[in-house]
């Protein structure tokens, strides 16, 4: 289920009540966002998702009980929750949990001290099917985990050379428009190749393409 034509349903999962209160206040002030509920741990978050089917979940990684990584894996394993995109809300831009969260299905990351307009923008970006991964985050992910060596990625052999190139560009954190400018081609051409690569690799969104690129060692020519 995707976002409705006029409002995006947003749920929260964080074990700090004051954080949930602040995030809800920010959501309530945006006319195109709709608050879908809140949870204090992963187990409660899963129940909330199944009851309300939000478009976006803002998820804390470090929670007591069932943490964010376990929650992400449970969401990814449940076909009924495929319509919910997850933004990990973290204290640090990059830490030891980031790549694990990407592998588990996170669509992006947001700092807890982000400005209100950044929060609203992040929700809209992820709800539209895009990934919320800044170039600085993807660069650090590649630097931290690229040294672990490459590994086979199922479906990679089905990609055309152009599609492989686009997956590598996506892993730089650039948008379709930015990639198009770099390659002097149209954004529609970029979008087509990225979409085809996502289908072949069975990627939920662009964030998973970053994981595939890092795991397979794909780099921009």
C-alpha atoms as a PDB file:
ATOM      1  CA  UNK A   1       0.000   0.000   0.000  1.00  0.00           C
ATOM      2  CA  UNK A   2       1.466   3.348  -0.974  1.00  0.00           C
ATOM      3  CA  UNK A   3       0.704   6.797   0.375  1.00  0.00           C
ATOM      4  CA  UNK A   4      -2.704   8.229  -0.399  1.00  0.00           C
ATOM      5  CA  UNK A   5      -3.059  11.034  -2.900  1.00  0.00           C
ATOM      6  CA  UNK A   6      -2.991  13.734  -0.239  1.00  0.00           C
ATOM      7  CA  UNK A   7      -1.616  12.365   3.051  1.00  0.00           C
ATOM      8  CA  UNK A   8       1.233  10.105   4.146  1.00  0.00           C
ATOM      9  CA  UNK A   9       0.597   7.936   7.212  1.00  0.00           C
ATOM     10  CA  UNK A  10       3.545   7.946   9.618  1.00  0.00           C
ATOM     11  CA  UNK A  11       4.172   5.722  12.653  1.00  0.00           C
ATOM     12  CA  UNK A  12       6.864   6.076  15.337  1.00  0.00           C
ATOM     13  CA  UNK A  13       8.893   3.518  17.282  1.00  0.00           C
ATOM     14  CA  UNK A  14      11.254   4.820  19.971  1.00  0.00           C
ATOM     15  CA  UNK A  15      11.735   3.836  23.595  1.00  0.00           C
ATOM     16  CA  UNK A  16      12.041   7.465  24.736  1.00  0.00           C
ATOM     17  CA  UNK A  17       8.683   9.121  25.324  1.00  0.00           C
ATOM     18  CA  UNK A  18      10.093  12.622  24.894  1.00  0.00           C
ATOM     19  CA  UNK A  19      11.467  11.714  21.459  1.00  0.00           C
ATOM     20  CA  UNK A  20       8.111  10.276  20.382  1.00  0.00           C
ATOM     21  CA  UNK A  21       6.374  13.413  21.632  1.00  0.00           C
ATOM     22  CA  UNK A  22       8.679  15.651  19.602  1.00  0.00           C
ATOM     23  CA  UNK A  23       8.370  13.585  16.431  1.00  0.00           C
ATOM     24  CA  UNK A  24       4.596  13.464  16.713  1.00  0.00           C
ATOM     25  CA  UNK A  25       4.453  17.254  17.125  1.00  0.00           C
ATOM     26  CA  UNK A  26       6.480  17.654  13.939  1.00  0.00           C
ATOM     27  CA  UNK A  27       4.238  15.252  12.024  1.00  0.00           C
ATOM     28  CA  UNK A  28       1.043  16.917  13.277  1.00  0.00           C
ATOM     29  CA  UNK A  29       2.152  20.316  11.997  1.00  0.00           C
ATOM     30  CA  UNK A  30       2.441  19.095   8.380  1.00  0.00           C
ATOM     31  CA  UNK A  31      -0.902  19.081   6.503  1.00  0.00           C
ATOM     32  CA  UNK A  32       0.143  16.255   4.165  1.00  0.00           C
ATOM     33  CA  UNK A  33       1.303  13.933   6.974  1.00  0.00           C
ATOM     34  CA  UNK A  34      -0.963  11.842   9.176  1.00  0.00           C
ATOM     35  CA  UNK A  35       0.091  10.404  12.538  1.00  0.00           C
ATOM     36  CA  UNK A  36      -0.647   6.652  12.575  1.00  0.00           C
ATOM     37  CA  UNK A  37       0.454   5.765  16.102  1.00  0.00           C
ATOM     38  CA  UNK A  38       3.514   5.124  18.251  1.00  0.00           C
ATOM     39  CA  UNK A  39       5.325   2.261  19.957  1.00  0.00           C
ATOM     40  CA  UNK A  40       8.005   1.997  22.629  1.00  0.00           C
ATOM     41  CA  UNK A  41       9.692  -1.186  21.353  1.00  0.00           C
ATOM     42  CA  UNK A  42       9.962  -3.414  18.309  1.00  0.00           C
ATOM     43  CA  UNK A  43       7.273  -5.913  19.274  1.00  0.00           C
ATOM     44  CA  UNK A  44       4.760  -3.138  19.844  1.00  0.00           C
ATOM     45  CA  UNK A  45       5.863  -1.518  16.568  1.00  0.00           C
ATOM     46  CA  UNK A  46       5.071  -4.696  14.621  1.00  0.00           C
ATOM     47  CA  UNK A  47       1.607  -4.860  16.155  1.00  0.00           C
ATOM     48  CA  UNK A  48       1.078  -1.197  15.290  1.00  0.00           C
ATOM     49  CA  UNK A  49       2.157  -1.722  11.681  1.00  0.00           C
ATOM     50  CA  UNK A  50      -0.211  -4.642  11.209  1.00  0.00           C
ATOM     51  CA  UNK A  51      -3.096  -2.644  12.673  1.00  0.00           C
ATOM     52  CA  UNK A  52      -2.565   0.675  10.900  1.00  0.00           C
ATOM     53  CA  UNK A  53      -0.447  -0.138   7.779  1.00  0.00           C
ATOM     54  CA  UNK A  54       1.412   3.201   7.718  1.00  0.00           C
ATOM     55  CA  UNK A  55       3.358   4.371   4.686  1.00  0.00           C
ATOM     56  CA  UNK A  56       6.450   5.267   6.723  1.00  0.00           C
ATOM     57  CA  UNK A  57       7.859   4.111  10.072  1.00  0.00           C
ATOM     58  CA  UNK A  58      10.391   6.264  11.925  1.00  0.00           C
ATOM     59  CA  UNK A  59      12.395   3.656  13.822  1.00  0.00           C
ATOM     60  CA  UNK A  60      14.965   3.986  16.591  1.00  0.00           C
ATOM     61  CA  UNK A  61      17.800   1.449  16.368  1.00  0.00           C
ATOM     62  CA  UNK A  62      18.717   1.234  20.041  1.00  0.00           C
ATOM     63  CA  UNK A  63      15.562   0.218  21.872  1.00  0.00           C
ATOM     64  CA  UNK A  64      15.082  -1.931  24.941  1.00  0.00           C
ATOM     65  CA  UNK A  65      13.531  -5.308  24.254  1.00  0.00           C
ATOM     66  CA  UNK A  66      13.252  -5.919  20.508  1.00  0.00           C
ATOM     67  CA  UNK A  67      15.694  -3.490  18.902  1.00  0.00           C
ATOM     68  CA  UNK A  68      15.509  -1.727  15.553  1.00  0.00           C
ATOM     69  CA  UNK A  69      17.545  -4.255  13.567  1.00  0.00           C
ATOM     70  CA  UNK A  70      15.365  -7.170  14.705  1.00  0.00           C
ATOM     71  CA  UNK A  71      12.284  -5.087  13.939  1.00  0.00           C
ATOM     72  CA  UNK A  72      13.546  -4.313  10.430  1.00  0.00           C
ATOM     73  CA  UNK A  73      14.178  -7.990   9.745  1.00  0.00           C
ATOM     74  CA  UNK A  74      10.701  -8.898  10.933  1.00  0.00           C
ATOM     75  CA  UNK A  75       9.160  -6.234   8.682  1.00  0.00           C
ATOM     76  CA  UNK A  76      11.154  -7.446   5.667  1.00  0.00           C
ATOM     77  CA  UNK A  77      10.074 -11.040   6.334  1.00  0.00           C
ATOM     78  CA  UNK A  78       6.357 -10.183   6.445  1.00  0.00           C
ATOM     79  CA  UNK A  79       4.813  -9.754   2.962  1.00  0.00           C
ATOM     80  CA  UNK A  80       1.855  -7.923   4.506  1.00  0.00           C
ATOM     81  CA  UNK A  81       4.195  -5.108   5.602  1.00  0.00           C
ATOM     82  CA  UNK A  82       5.900  -4.574   2.244  1.00  0.00           C
ATOM     83  CA  UNK A  83       4.087  -1.267   1.817  1.00  0.00           C
ATOM     84  CA  UNK A  84       5.771   0.330   4.826  1.00  0.00           C
ATOM     85  CA  UNK A  85       9.085   2.118   4.291  1.00  0.00           C
ATOM     86  CA  UNK A  86      11.394   2.497   7.281  1.00  0.00           C
ATOM     87  CA  UNK A  87      13.564   5.476   8.168  1.00  0.00           C
ATOM     88  CA  UNK A  88      16.050   4.764  10.932  1.00  0.00           C
ATOM     89  CA  UNK A  89      16.277   7.674  13.360  1.00  0.00           C
ATOM     90  CA  UNK A  90      19.727   7.691  14.919  1.00  0.00           C
ATOM     91  CA  UNK A  91      21.923   9.847  17.134  1.00  0.00           C
ATOM     92  CA  UNK A  92      24.902   9.553  14.800  1.00  0.00           C
ATOM     93  CA  UNK A  93      25.124   9.836  11.024  1.00  0.00           C
ATOM     94  CA  UNK A  94      27.047   6.589  10.783  1.00  0.00           C
ATOM     95  CA  UNK A  95      27.750   3.865  13.307  1.00  0.00           C
ATOM     96  CA  UNK A  96      28.126   0.125  13.496  1.00  0.00           C
ATOM     97  CA  UNK A  97      24.399  -0.399  12.971  1.00  0.00           C
ATOM     98  CA  UNK A  98      24.015   1.467   9.682  1.00  0.00           C
ATOM     99  CA  UNK A  99      25.039  -1.257   7.221  1.00  0.00           C
ATOM    100  CA  UNK A 100      23.142  -3.870   9.214  1.00  0.00           C
ATOM    101  CA  UNK A 101      20.063  -1.653   9.002  1.00  0.00           C
ATOM    102  CA  UNK A 102      20.503  -1.250   5.241  1.00  0.00           C
ATOM    103  CA  UNK A 103      20.830  -5.003   4.792  1.00  0.00           C
ATOM    104  CA  UNK A 104      17.728  -5.510   6.917  1.00  0.00           C
ATOM    105  CA  UNK A 105      15.656  -3.217   4.704  1.00  0.00           C
ATOM    106  CA  UNK A 106      15.948   0.373   5.954  1.00  0.00           C
ATOM    107  CA  UNK A 107      15.163   2.977   3.298  1.00  0.00           C
ATOM    108  CA  UNK A 108      17.283   5.669   4.903  1.00  0.00           C
ATOM    109  CA  UNK A 109      18.596   7.430   7.961  1.00  0.00           C
ATOM    110  CA  UNK A 110      17.721  10.586   9.824  1.00  0.00           C
ATOM    111  CA  UNK A 111      19.526  12.295  12.688  1.00  0.00           C
ATOM    112  CA  UNK A 112      17.459  12.848  15.818  1.00  0.00           C
ATOM    113  CA  UNK A 113      18.471  16.501  15.896  1.00  0.00           C
ATOM    114  CA  UNK A 114      17.369  17.126  12.304  1.00  0.00           C
ATOM    115  CA  UNK A 115      15.414  20.300  11.612  1.00  0.00           C
ATOM    116  CA  UNK A 116      11.608  19.938  11.296  1.00  0.00           C
ATOM    117  CA  UNK A 117      11.691  20.630   7.563  1.00  0.00           C
ATOM    118  CA  UNK A 118      14.353  17.916   7.117  1.00  0.00           C
ATOM    119  CA  UNK A 119      12.152  15.412   8.921  1.00  0.00           C
ATOM    120  CA  UNK A 120       9.141  16.229   6.773  1.00  0.00           C
ATOM    121  CA  UNK A 121      11.261  16.062   3.612  1.00  0.00           C
ATOM    122  CA  UNK A 122      12.678  12.685   4.651  1.00  0.00           C
ATOM    123  CA  UNK A 123       9.227  11.225   5.168  1.00  0.00           C
ATOM    124  CA  UNK A 124       8.023  12.450   1.777  1.00  0.00           C
ATOM    125  CA  UNK A 125      11.127  11.187  -0.027  1.00  0.00           C
ATOM    126  CA  UNK A 126      10.878   7.692   1.437  1.00  0.00           C
ATOM    127  CA  UNK A 127       7.099   7.504   0.979  1.00  0.00           C
ATOM    128  CA  UNK A 128       7.612   8.219  -2.734  1.00  0.00           C
ATOM    129  CA  UNK A 129       9.852   5.153  -3.023  1.00  0.00           C
ATOM    130  CA  UNK A 130      13.205   6.931  -2.985  1.00  0.00           C
ATOM    131  CA  UNK A 131      16.064   6.238  -0.589  1.00  0.00           C
ATOM    132  CA  UNK A 132      17.213   8.728   2.018  1.00  0.00           C
ATOM    133  CA  UNK A 133      20.961   8.236   1.787  1.00  0.00           C
ATOM    134  CA  UNK A 134      23.222  11.234   1.611  1.00  0.00           C
ATOM    135  CA  UNK A 135      26.533  11.013  -0.281  1.00  0.00           C
ATOM    136  CA  UNK A 136      28.379  11.290   3.042  1.00  0.00           C
ATOM    137  CA  UNK A 137      26.509   8.290   4.466  1.00  0.00           C
ATOM    138  CA  UNK A 138      27.029   6.109   1.399  1.00  0.00           C
ATOM    139  CA  UNK A 139      30.709   7.061   1.202  1.00  0.00           C
ATOM    140  CA  UNK A 140      31.237   5.985   4.812  1.00  0.00           C
ATOM    141  CA  UNK A 141      29.247   2.781   4.315  1.00  0.00           C
ATOM    142  CA  UNK A 142      31.411   1.847   1.330  1.00  0.00           C
ATOM    143  CA  UNK A 143      34.574   2.751   3.222  1.00  0.00           C
ATOM    144  CA  UNK A 144      33.637   0.796   6.328  1.00  0.00           C
ATOM    145  CA  UNK A 145      32.258  -2.312   4.721  1.00  0.00           C
ATOM    146  CA  UNK A 146      33.802  -2.418   1.282  1.00  0.00           C
ATOM    147  CA  UNK A 147      37.006  -3.732   2.823  1.00  0.00           C
ATOM    148  CA  UNK A 148      35.207  -6.928   3.818  1.00  0.00           C
ATOM    149  CA  UNK A 149      35.502  -8.094   0.225  1.00  0.00           C
ATOM    150  CA  UNK A 150      32.972  -8.718  -2.510  1.00  0.00           C
ATOM    151  CA  UNK A 151      30.357 -11.443  -2.453  1.00  0.00           C
ATOM    152  CA  UNK A 152      27.984 -12.864  -5.084  1.00  0.00           C
ATOM    153  CA  UNK A 153      24.701 -10.984  -5.406  1.00  0.00           C
ATOM    154  CA  UNK A 154      21.815 -12.992  -6.823  1.00  0.00           C
ATOM    155  CA  UNK A 155      20.574 -11.457 -10.043  1.00  0.00           C
ATOM    156  CA  UNK A 156      23.658  -9.349 -10.688  1.00  0.00           C
ATOM    157  CA  UNK A 157      24.510 -11.390 -13.784  1.00  0.00           C
ATOM    158  CA  UNK A 158      21.176 -10.402 -15.325  1.00  0.00           C
ATOM    159  CA  UNK A 159      22.021  -6.695 -15.338  1.00  0.00           C
ATOM    160  CA  UNK A 160      23.162  -5.023 -18.528  1.00  0.00           C
ATOM    161  CA  UNK A 161      26.422  -3.034 -18.402  1.00  0.00           C
ATOM    162  CA  UNK A 162      24.384   0.192 -18.275  1.00  0.00           C
ATOM    163  CA  UNK A 163      22.245  -1.101 -15.416  1.00  0.00           C
ATOM    164  CA  UNK A 164      25.366  -2.093 -13.468  1.00  0.00           C
ATOM    165  CA  UNK A 165      26.700   1.385 -14.018  1.00  0.00           C
ATOM    166  CA  UNK A 166      23.479   2.932 -12.711  1.00  0.00           C
ATOM    167  CA  UNK A 167      23.540   0.767  -9.579  1.00  0.00           C
ATOM    168  CA  UNK A 168      27.094   1.967  -8.936  1.00  0.00           C
ATOM    169  CA  UNK A 169      25.992   5.587  -9.372  1.00  0.00           C
ATOM    170  CA  UNK A 170      23.032   5.085  -7.012  1.00  0.00           C
ATOM    171  CA  UNK A 171      25.548   3.899  -4.403  1.00  0.00           C
ATOM    172  CA  UNK A 172      27.205   7.329  -4.518  1.00  0.00           C
ATOM    173  CA  UNK A 173      24.057   8.805  -2.971  1.00  0.00           C
ATOM    174  CA  UNK A 174      23.197  10.901  -6.006  1.00  0.00           C
ATOM    175  CA  UNK A 175      19.634  11.407  -7.216  1.00  0.00           C
ATOM    176  CA  UNK A 176      18.457  10.519 -10.719  1.00  0.00           C
ATOM    177  CA  UNK A 177      18.775  14.154 -11.757  1.00  0.00           C
ATOM    178  CA  UNK A 178      22.336  14.375 -10.424  1.00  0.00           C
ATOM    179  CA  UNK A 179      23.343  11.142 -12.157  1.00  0.00           C
ATOM    180  CA  UNK A 180      21.818  12.414 -15.380  1.00  0.00           C
ATOM    181  CA  UNK A 181      23.890  15.596 -15.179  1.00  0.00           C
ATOM    182  CA  UNK A 182      27.070  13.617 -14.559  1.00  0.00           C
ATOM    183  CA  UNK A 183      26.461  11.343 -17.550  1.00  0.00           C
ATOM    184  CA  UNK A 184      24.846  13.981 -19.772  1.00  0.00           C
ATOM    185  CA  UNK A 185      21.712  11.910 -20.307  1.00  0.00           C
ATOM    186  CA  UNK A 186      18.062  12.476 -19.408  1.00  0.00           C
ATOM    187  CA  UNK A 187      16.697  11.792 -15.913  1.00  0.00           C
ATOM    188  CA  UNK A 188      14.078   9.541 -17.534  1.00  0.00           C
ATOM    189  CA  UNK A 189      16.849   7.367 -18.977  1.00  0.00           C
ATOM    190  CA  UNK A 190      18.454   7.062 -15.552  1.00  0.00           C
ATOM    191  CA  UNK A 191      15.092   6.279 -13.968  1.00  0.00           C
ATOM    192  CA  UNK A 192      14.404   3.537 -16.506  1.00  0.00           C
ATOM    193  CA  UNK A 193      17.730   1.773 -15.954  1.00  0.00           C
ATOM    194  CA  UNK A 194      17.494   2.091 -12.158  1.00  0.00           C
ATOM    195  CA  UNK A 195      13.939   0.716 -12.176  1.00  0.00           C
ATOM    196  CA  UNK A 196      14.942  -2.251 -14.308  1.00  0.00           C
ATOM    197  CA  UNK A 197      17.883  -2.993 -12.013  1.00  0.00           C
ATOM    198  CA  UNK A 198      15.598  -2.880  -8.981  1.00  0.00           C
ATOM    199  CA  UNK A 199      13.224  -5.378 -10.578  1.00  0.00           C
ATOM    200  CA  UNK A 200      16.021  -7.768 -11.561  1.00  0.00           C
ATOM    201  CA  UNK A 201      17.668  -7.589  -8.127  1.00  0.00           C
ATOM    202  CA  UNK A 202      14.312  -7.656  -6.317  1.00  0.00           C
ATOM    203  CA  UNK A 203      15.275  -4.510  -4.450  1.00  0.00           C
ATOM    204  CA  UNK A 204      12.614  -2.781  -2.368  1.00  0.00           C
ATOM    205  CA  UNK A 205      14.118   0.631  -3.030  1.00  0.00           C
ATOM    206  CA  UNK A 206      17.325   2.500  -3.855  1.00  0.00           C
ATOM    207  CA  UNK A 207      18.761   1.848  -0.404  1.00  0.00           C
ATOM    208  CA  UNK A 208      18.975  -1.851  -1.209  1.00  0.00           C
ATOM    209  CA  UNK A 209      20.761  -1.034  -4.445  1.00  0.00           C
ATOM    210  CA  UNK A 210      23.472   0.572  -2.322  1.00  0.00           C
ATOM    211  CA  UNK A 211      23.823  -2.680  -0.387  1.00  0.00           C
ATOM    212  CA  UNK A 212      24.071  -4.685  -3.621  1.00  0.00           C
ATOM    213  CA  UNK A 213      26.681  -2.299  -5.010  1.00  0.00           C
ATOM    214  CA  UNK A 214      28.839  -2.505  -1.887  1.00  0.00           C
ATOM    215  CA  UNK A 215      28.518  -6.291  -1.596  1.00  0.00           C
ATOM    216  CA  UNK A 216      29.344  -6.912  -5.248  1.00  0.00           C
ATOM    217  CA  UNK A 217      32.109  -4.342  -5.527  1.00  0.00           C
ATOM    218  CA  UNK A 218      30.396  -2.222  -8.179  1.00  0.00           C
ATOM    219  CA  UNK A 219      32.016   1.180  -8.587  1.00  0.00           C
ATOM    220  CA  UNK A 220      31.497   4.150 -10.883  1.00  0.00           C
ATOM    221  CA  UNK A 221      33.703   3.850 -14.015  1.00  0.00           C
END
